[in-house]
Amino acid sequence: MIDEQKVGAVLEYLRGSFPRATLEHRPDCSGNGHYFAVKLEGSILQAVISEEFLEGCETAQIPTRLGKFTLAEHLRDLPSEIVYVTTAGLQLEAG
């Protein structure tokens, strides 16, 4: 079940980090998380936020936790990769 408030908190973090971007969200095809695309001129930055991460955080904590994980910086540095967010931190491959 999608918790719209928690998804909204992720979108809030991404909007703050990429104010000129167009954002896209959909459930991840694996069924274990949520896919987010940050569309900038000339590139699409991609992240998958695990359901486990979202369930383990209060809504208000999500932007702070993503900031501590330096998600935005990793997305900028790895534009051709999908960055996965888990309770343990960031990964480049799901697993």
Protein backbone atom coordinates (compact mmCIF):
# COMPACT_ATOMS: atom_id res chain seq x y z
CA MET A 1 0.00 0.00 0.00
CA ILE A 2 1.39 3.40 -0.97
CA ASP A 3 1.72 5.90 1.86
CA GLU A 4 1.13 9.12 -0.05
CA GLN A 5 2.47 11.27 2.79
CA LYS A 6 5.78 9.42 2.82
CA VAL A 7 6.03 9.58 -0.97
CA GLY A 8 5.27 13.29 -0.63
CA ALA A 9 8.16 13.65 1.83
CA VAL A 10 10.55 12.09 -0.71
CA LEU A 11 9.22 14.44 -3.40
CA GLU A 12 9.70 17.39 -1.01
CA TYR A 13 13.35 16.41 -0.52
CA LEU A 14 13.91 16.03 -4.27
CA ARG A 15 12.15 19.34 -5.06
CA GLY A 16 14.38 21.11 -2.54
CA SER A 17 17.50 19.49 -3.97
CA PHE A 18 16.56 19.94 -7.65
CA PRO A 19 14.28 23.00 -7.81
CA ARG A 20 14.30 23.25 -11.63
CA ALA A 21 13.65 19.56 -12.25
CA THR A 22 10.49 17.78 -13.25
CA LEU A 23 9.80 14.89 -10.88
CA GLU A 24 8.15 11.58 -11.65
CA HIS A 25 7.03 8.88 -9.22
CA ARG A 26 5.60 5.40 -9.64
CA PRO A 27 5.72 2.11 -7.76
CA ASP A 28 8.90 0.21 -8.59
CA CYS A 29 8.31 -2.74 -10.91
CA SER A 30 9.82 -5.09 -8.28
CA GLY A 31 6.98 -4.22 -5.92
CA ASN A 32 9.43 -3.53 -3.10
CA GLY A 33 9.68 0.23 -3.35
CA HIS A 34 9.05 3.42 -5.24
CA TYR A 35 10.81 4.71 -8.35
CA PHE A 36 11.60 8.42 -8.61
CA ALA A 37 12.96 10.19 -11.68
CA VAL A 38 14.48 13.66 -11.53
CA LYS A 39 14.30 15.07 -15.04
CA LEU A 40 16.81 17.80 -15.75
CA GLU A 41 17.79 19.32 -19.05
CA GLY A 42 19.87 16.63 -20.73
CA SER A 43 19.64 13.96 -18.03
CA ILE A 44 17.35 11.84 -15.89
CA LEU A 45 18.52 11.00 -12.39
CA GLN A 46 16.92 7.89 -10.91
CA ALA A 47 16.33 6.55 -7.41
CA VAL A 48 14.39 3.67 -5.94
CA ILE A 49 13.32 4.12 -2.33
CA SER A 50 12.68 0.78 -0.64
CA GLU A 51 9.38 0.12 1.07
CA GLU A 52 11.44 -0.96 4.10
CA PHE A 53 13.06 2.50 4.29
CA LEU A 54 9.70 4.27 4.05
CA GLU A 55 8.07 2.02 6.64
CA GLY A 56 11.00 2.49 9.03
CA CYS A 57 10.80 6.30 9.03
CA GLU A 58 8.30 8.76 10.33
CA THR A 59 7.11 11.00 7.48
CA ALA A 60 8.81 14.08 8.94
CA GLN A 61 12.16 12.21 9.20
CA ILE A 62 12.37 11.19 5.55
CA PRO A 63 13.90 14.39 4.07
CA THR A 64 16.48 14.52 6.88
CA ARG A 65 17.44 10.85 6.46
CA LEU A 66 17.77 11.25 2.69
CA GLY A 67 19.96 14.31 3.30
CA LYS A 68 22.17 12.36 5.71
CA PHE A 69 22.50 9.63 3.09
CA THR A 70 23.53 12.39 0.60
CA LEU A 71 21.06 11.06 -1.95
CA ALA A 72 20.99 14.27 -4.03
CA GLU A 73 24.79 14.37 -4.26
CA HIS A 74 24.92 10.72 -5.32
CA LEU A 75 22.25 11.29 -7.96
CA ARG A 76 24.26 14.21 -9.36
CA ASP A 77 27.51 12.21 -9.32
CA LEU A 78 25.98 9.05 -10.83
CA PRO A 79 23.61 10.24 -13.56
CA SER A 80 23.64 6.93 -15.45
CA GLU A 81 22.92 4.77 -12.39
CA ILE A 82 19.81 3.98 -10.40
CA VAL A 83 20.52 4.74 -6.75
CA TYR A 84 18.70 2.46 -4.31
CA VAL A 85 17.82 3.73 -0.84
CA THR A 86 17.55 1.10 1.89
CA THR A 87 17.44 1.30 5.66
CA ALA A 88 21.21 0.68 5.65
CA GLY A 89 22.00 3.48 3.20
CA LEU A 90 22.55 3.81 -0.53
CA GLN A 91 23.32 1.05 -3.04
CA LEU A 92 23.86 0.99 -6.77
CA GLU A 93 22.24 -2.38 -7.33
CA ALA A 94 19.13 -3.75 -5.68
CA GLY A 95 19.75 -6.62 -3.42
